[in-house]
Amino acid sequence: MKYSLFLSILLALTATTSSAQDSDSIQFPQLIAGGGHNFQIIGEHSSAYKDSLFAHFNKKEKRGYVWKFKNVKVDGISEVVTLEVHQGLKGYTEDPRYNANKCGGSAYFYTFTSEKRKAEMLENQSELEFPGLVIYVKQGNKYTLKNPEEVKLMEAYLRAIYEG
């Protein structure tokens, strides 16, 4: 009896969690680089998001795996910015030699460098590696998003590109 009650509660919690994930189809975890906030898209939505970027900015050229979308104006952010997008694999390691924090494990991102290298990496990806995009927000060579208000505005802008 106790086991079936526990199982019922666990199933109910799982159903609630998965429906909450469905309502927010894409996540933008933040990445701090050069003192500025940047964004990642990890998993199944990364390829579709890349296509949304090219459609939104009317950019036809998709050569390579690093793209720059220049002179991007976001309402509420005073300067125009450049979105530098890298496509690759996001991975995690549990090896204590690479433990960057006390929680265990660390993360890495490999940008694809060629079609051959992309095919190799996807063919050999581990269960702890996922396709992804990293979106760096820059002005010149500097990472520009420093305050939380600008980060929220940029995240809303990036989300609207995908949902629009």
C-alpha atoms as a PDB file:
ATOM      1  CA  MET A   1       0.000   0.000   0.000  1.00  0.00           C
ATOM      2  CA  LYS A   2       2.738   2.464   0.952  1.00  0.00           C
ATOM      3  CA  TYR A   3       4.671   1.562  -2.200  1.00  0.00           C
ATOM      4  CA  SER A   4       1.683   2.220  -4.495  1.00  0.00           C
ATOM      5  CA  LEU A   5       0.981   5.541  -2.746  1.00  0.00           C
ATOM      6  CA  PHE A   6       4.634   6.557  -3.196  1.00  0.00           C
ATOM      7  CA  LEU A   7       4.532   5.493  -6.871  1.00  0.00           C
ATOM      8  CA  SER A   8       1.316   7.466  -7.464  1.00  0.00           C
ATOM      9  CA  ILE A   9       2.817  10.616  -5.940  1.00  0.00           C
ATOM     10  CA  LEU A  10       6.000  10.178  -7.980  1.00  0.00           C
ATOM     11  CA  LEU A  11       4.001   9.783 -11.216  1.00  0.00           C
ATOM     12  CA  ALA A  12       1.936  12.873 -10.402  1.00  0.00           C
ATOM     13  CA  LEU A  13       5.074  14.936  -9.785  1.00  0.00           C
ATOM     14  CA  THR A  14       6.630  13.692 -13.030  1.00  0.00           C
ATOM     15  CA  ALA A  15       3.517  14.616 -15.018  1.00  0.00           C
ATOM     16  CA  THR A  16       3.471  18.095 -13.459  1.00  0.00           C
ATOM     17  CA  THR A  17       7.158  18.625 -14.240  1.00  0.00           C
ATOM     18  CA  SER A  18       6.900  17.522 -17.860  1.00  0.00           C
ATOM     19  CA  SER A  19       3.862  19.716 -18.550  1.00  0.00           C
ATOM     20  CA  ALA A  20       5.711  22.706 -17.067  1.00  0.00           C
ATOM     21  CA  GLN A  21       8.628  22.011 -19.400  1.00  0.00           C
ATOM     22  CA  ASP A  22       6.290  21.844 -22.404  1.00  0.00           C
ATOM     23  CA  SER A  23       4.891  25.311 -21.691  1.00  0.00           C
ATOM     24  CA  ASP A  24       8.393  26.801 -21.805  1.00  0.00           C
ATOM     25  CA  SER A  25       9.792  25.031 -24.843  1.00  0.00           C
ATOM     26  CA  ILE A  26      13.234  26.623 -24.938  1.00  0.00           C
ATOM     27  CA  GLN A  27      15.658  27.524 -22.184  1.00  0.00           C
ATOM     28  CA  PHE A  28      18.371  30.208 -22.258  1.00  0.00           C
ATOM     29  CA  PRO A  29      20.821  29.354 -19.479  1.00  0.00           C
ATOM     30  CA  GLN A  30      23.298  32.166 -18.941  1.00  0.00           C
ATOM     31  CA  LEU A  31      27.003  31.899 -19.549  1.00  0.00           C
ATOM     32  CA  ILE A  32      29.411  34.424 -18.049  1.00  0.00           C
ATOM     33  CA  ALA A  33      32.328  35.230 -20.362  1.00  0.00           C
ATOM     34  CA  GLY A  34      34.580  38.270 -20.214  1.00  0.00           C
ATOM     35  CA  GLY A  35      32.511  39.674 -17.357  1.00  0.00           C
ATOM     36  CA  GLY A  36      29.363  39.825 -19.490  1.00  0.00           C
ATOM     37  CA  HIS A  37      26.251  37.688 -19.668  1.00  0.00           C
ATOM     38  CA  ASN A  38      25.777  35.488 -22.717  1.00  0.00           C
ATOM     39  CA  PHE A  39      23.346  32.698 -23.520  1.00  0.00           C
ATOM     40  CA  GLN A  40      23.273  29.008 -24.384  1.00  0.00           C
ATOM     41  CA  ILE A  41      20.688  26.814 -26.058  1.00  0.00           C
ATOM     42  CA  ILE A  42      21.346  23.179 -25.343  1.00  0.00           C
ATOM     43  CA  GLY A  43      19.591  20.139 -26.803  1.00  0.00           C
ATOM     44  CA  GLU A  44      16.983  19.499 -29.424  1.00  0.00           C
ATOM     45  CA  HIS A  45      15.917  23.142 -29.881  1.00  0.00           C
ATOM     46  CA  SER A  46      19.388  24.393 -30.848  1.00  0.00           C
ATOM     47  CA  SER A  47      19.135  23.494 -34.538  1.00  0.00           C
ATOM     48  CA  ALA A  48      15.642  24.984 -34.865  1.00  0.00           C
ATOM     49  CA  TYR A  49      16.820  28.124 -33.059  1.00  0.00           C
ATOM     50  CA  LYS A  50      19.726  28.491 -35.498  1.00  0.00           C
ATOM     51  CA  ASP A  51      17.221  28.366 -38.379  1.00  0.00           C
ATOM     52  CA  SER A  52      15.086  30.999 -36.607  1.00  0.00           C
ATOM     53  CA  LEU A  53      18.099  33.321 -36.352  1.00  0.00           C
ATOM     54  CA  PHE A  54      18.825  33.047 -40.082  1.00  0.00           C
ATOM     55  CA  ALA A  55      15.166  33.656 -40.939  1.00  0.00           C
ATOM     56  CA  HIS A  56      14.861  36.616 -38.542  1.00  0.00           C
ATOM     57  CA  PHE A  57      17.994  38.389 -39.757  1.00  0.00           C
ATOM     58  CA  ASN A  58      17.522  37.417 -43.432  1.00  0.00           C
ATOM     59  CA  LYS A  59      21.050  36.093 -43.538  1.00  0.00           C
ATOM     60  CA  LYS A  60      21.524  33.629 -46.369  1.00  0.00           C
ATOM     61  CA  GLU A  61      25.103  32.501 -45.757  1.00  0.00           C
ATOM     62  CA  LYS A  62      25.401  29.551 -43.366  1.00  0.00           C
ATOM     63  CA  ARG A  63      29.002  28.531 -43.995  1.00  0.00           C
ATOM     64  CA  GLY A  64      30.995  27.345 -41.038  1.00  0.00           C
ATOM     65  CA  TYR A  65      29.766  27.080 -37.472  1.00  0.00           C
ATOM     66  CA  VAL A  66      30.336  30.597 -36.146  1.00  0.00           C
ATOM     67  CA  TRP A  67      28.022  33.376 -37.336  1.00  0.00           C
ATOM     68  CA  LYS A  68      27.867  37.084 -36.533  1.00  0.00           C
ATOM     69  CA  PHE A  69      24.652  39.063 -36.671  1.00  0.00           C
ATOM     70  CA  LYS A  70      25.731  42.712 -36.532  1.00  0.00           C
ATOM     71  CA  ASN A  71      23.946  45.964 -35.650  1.00  0.00           C
ATOM     72  CA  VAL A  72      21.240  44.307 -33.570  1.00  0.00           C
ATOM     73  CA  LYS A  73      19.023  46.844 -31.800  1.00  0.00           C
ATOM     74  CA  VAL A  74      17.135  45.652 -28.738  1.00  0.00           C
ATOM     75  CA  ASP A  75      14.547  47.936 -27.122  1.00  0.00           C
ATOM     76  CA  GLY A  76      15.806  49.072 -23.725  1.00  0.00           C
ATOM     77  CA  ILE A  77      19.493  48.470 -24.474  1.00  0.00           C
ATOM     78  CA  SER A  78      21.156  51.705 -25.508  1.00  0.00           C
ATOM     79  CA  GLU A  79      23.899  50.357 -27.788  1.00  0.00           C
ATOM     80  CA  VAL A  80      23.552  48.194 -30.850  1.00  0.00           C
ATOM     81  CA  VAL A  81      25.180  44.805 -30.331  1.00  0.00           C
ATOM     82  CA  THR A  82      26.585  41.912 -32.309  1.00  0.00           C
ATOM     83  CA  LEU A  83      25.346  38.399 -31.682  1.00  0.00           C
ATOM     84  CA  GLU A  84      28.187  35.947 -32.227  1.00  0.00           C
ATOM     85  CA  VAL A  85      26.713  32.442 -32.424  1.00  0.00           C
ATOM     86  CA  HIS A  86      28.751  29.241 -32.098  1.00  0.00           C
ATOM     87  CA  GLN A  87      27.309  25.821 -32.948  1.00  0.00           C
ATOM     88  CA  GLY A  88      28.831  22.765 -31.298  1.00  0.00           C
ATOM     89  CA  LEU A  89      28.563  20.234 -28.491  1.00  0.00           C
ATOM     90  CA  LYS A  90      27.958  21.071 -24.831  1.00  0.00           C
ATOM     91  CA  GLY A  91      29.314  18.417 -22.515  1.00  0.00           C
ATOM     92  CA  TYR A  92      29.727  17.630 -18.877  1.00  0.00           C
ATOM     93  CA  THR A  93      32.435  15.664 -17.110  1.00  0.00           C
ATOM     94  CA  GLU A  94      32.437  14.047 -13.708  1.00  0.00           C
ATOM     95  CA  ASP A  95      36.227  13.700 -13.681  1.00  0.00           C
ATOM     96  CA  PRO A  96      37.464  15.295 -10.430  1.00  0.00           C
ATOM     97  CA  ARG A  97      40.612  16.589 -12.171  1.00  0.00           C
ATOM     98  CA  TYR A  98      38.393  19.013 -14.113  1.00  0.00           C
ATOM     99  CA  ASN A  99      36.096  19.909 -11.247  1.00  0.00           C
ATOM    100  CA  ALA A 100      35.594  23.660 -11.505  1.00  0.00           C
ATOM    101  CA  ASN A 101      33.197  23.875  -8.579  1.00  0.00           C
ATOM    102  CA  LYS A 102      32.304  22.091  -5.372  1.00  0.00           C
ATOM    103  CA  CYS A 103      29.144  20.570  -6.849  1.00  0.00           C
ATOM    104  CA  GLY A 104      31.129  17.966  -8.795  1.00  0.00           C
ATOM    105  CA  GLY A 105      31.943  17.826 -12.475  1.00  0.00           C
ATOM    106  CA  SER A 106      32.371  20.648 -14.923  1.00  0.00           C
ATOM    107  CA  ALA A 107      31.071  21.716 -18.323  1.00  0.00           C
ATOM    108  CA  TYR A 108      32.663  22.430 -21.691  1.00  0.00           C
ATOM    109  CA  PHE A 109      31.606  23.541 -25.156  1.00  0.00           C
ATOM    110  CA  TYR A 110      33.321  22.510 -28.396  1.00  0.00           C
ATOM    111  CA  THR A 111      32.548  24.649 -31.444  1.00  0.00           C
ATOM    112  CA  PHE A 112      32.373  22.628 -34.636  1.00  0.00           C
ATOM    113  CA  THR A 113      35.246  23.499 -36.983  1.00  0.00           C
ATOM    114  CA  SER A 114      34.314  21.560 -40.126  1.00  0.00           C
ATOM    115  CA  GLU A 115      31.632  19.267 -41.486  1.00  0.00           C
ATOM    116  CA  LYS A 116      33.968  16.299 -40.996  1.00  0.00           C
ATOM    117  CA  ARG A 117      34.693  17.231 -37.370  1.00  0.00           C
ATOM    118  CA  LYS A 118      30.987  17.832 -36.707  1.00  0.00           C
ATOM    119  CA  ALA A 119      30.086  14.382 -38.052  1.00  0.00           C
ATOM    120  CA  GLU A 120      32.831  12.750 -35.946  1.00  0.00           C
ATOM    121  CA  MET A 121      31.773  14.536 -32.786  1.00  0.00           C
ATOM    122  CA  LEU A 122      28.074  13.760 -33.236  1.00  0.00           C
ATOM    123  CA  GLU A 123      28.836  10.127 -34.052  1.00  0.00           C
ATOM    124  CA  ASN A 124      30.994   9.731 -30.942  1.00  0.00           C
ATOM    125  CA  GLN A 125      29.044  11.939 -28.541  1.00  0.00           C
ATOM    126  CA  SER A 126      28.612  10.553 -25.051  1.00  0.00           C
ATOM    127  CA  GLU A 127      25.468  10.510 -22.974  1.00  0.00           C
ATOM    128  CA  LEU A 128      26.763  13.660 -21.265  1.00  0.00           C
ATOM    129  CA  GLU A 129      27.108  15.652 -24.531  1.00  0.00           C
ATOM    130  CA  PHE A 130      24.342  17.543 -26.303  1.00  0.00           C
ATOM    131  CA  PRO A 131      24.131  19.665 -29.472  1.00  0.00           C
ATOM    132  CA  GLY A 132      23.993  23.345 -28.664  1.00  0.00           C
ATOM    133  CA  LEU A 133      24.524  26.983 -29.458  1.00  0.00           C
ATOM    134  CA  VAL A 134      26.369  29.644 -27.508  1.00  0.00           C
ATOM    135  CA  ILE A 135      25.264  33.223 -28.189  1.00  0.00           C
ATOM    136  CA  TYR A 136      27.827  35.851 -27.216  1.00  0.00           C
ATOM    137  CA  VAL A 137      26.477  39.399 -26.962  1.00  0.00           C
ATOM    138  CA  LYS A 138      29.215  41.875 -27.876  1.00  0.00           C
ATOM    139  CA  GLN A 139      29.882  45.474 -28.696  1.00  0.00           C
ATOM    140  CA  GLY A 140      33.173  45.505 -30.557  1.00  0.00           C
ATOM    141  CA  ASN A 141      35.359  42.959 -28.774  1.00  0.00           C
ATOM    142  CA  LYS A 142      33.708  43.463 -25.374  1.00  0.00           C
ATOM    143  CA  TYR A 143      30.911  41.470 -23.777  1.00  0.00           C
ATOM    144  CA  THR A 144      28.283  44.107 -23.085  1.00  0.00           C
ATOM    145  CA  LEU A 145      25.514  42.690 -20.898  1.00  0.00           C
ATOM    146  CA  LYS A 146      26.494  43.594 -17.352  1.00  0.00           C
ATOM    147  CA  ASN A 147      23.297  44.439 -15.469  1.00  0.00           C
ATOM    148  CA  PRO A 148      20.280  42.190 -14.795  1.00  0.00           C
ATOM    149  CA  GLU A 149      17.796  44.456 -16.599  1.00  0.00           C
ATOM    150  CA  GLU A 150      19.726  44.240 -19.868  1.00  0.00           C
ATOM    151  CA  VAL A 151      20.060  40.476 -19.463  1.00  0.00           C
ATOM    152  CA  LYS A 152      16.261  40.127 -19.094  1.00  0.00           C
ATOM    153  CA  LEU A 153      15.648  42.343 -22.125  1.00  0.00           C
ATOM    154  CA  MET A 154      18.088  40.340 -24.257  1.00  0.00           C
ATOM    155  CA  GLU A 155      16.611  37.027 -23.146  1.00  0.00           C
ATOM    156  CA  ALA A 156      13.118  38.257 -24.062  1.00  0.00           C
ATOM    157  CA  TYR A 157      14.442  39.407 -27.452  1.00  0.00           C
ATOM    158  CA  LEU A 158      16.104  36.026 -28.112  1.00  0.00           C
ATOM    159  CA  ARG A 159      12.968  34.168 -27.027  1.00  0.00           C
ATOM    160  CA  ALA A 160      10.823  36.301 -29.376  1.00  0.00           C
ATOM    161  CA  ILE A 161      13.056  35.351 -32.333  1.00  0.00           C
ATOM    162  CA  TYR A 162      12.277  31.687 -31.709  1.00  0.00           C
ATOM    163  CA  GLU A 163       8.607  32.073 -30.897  1.00  0.00           C
ATOM    164  CA  GLY A 164       7.894  34.677 -33.578  1.00  0.00           C
END
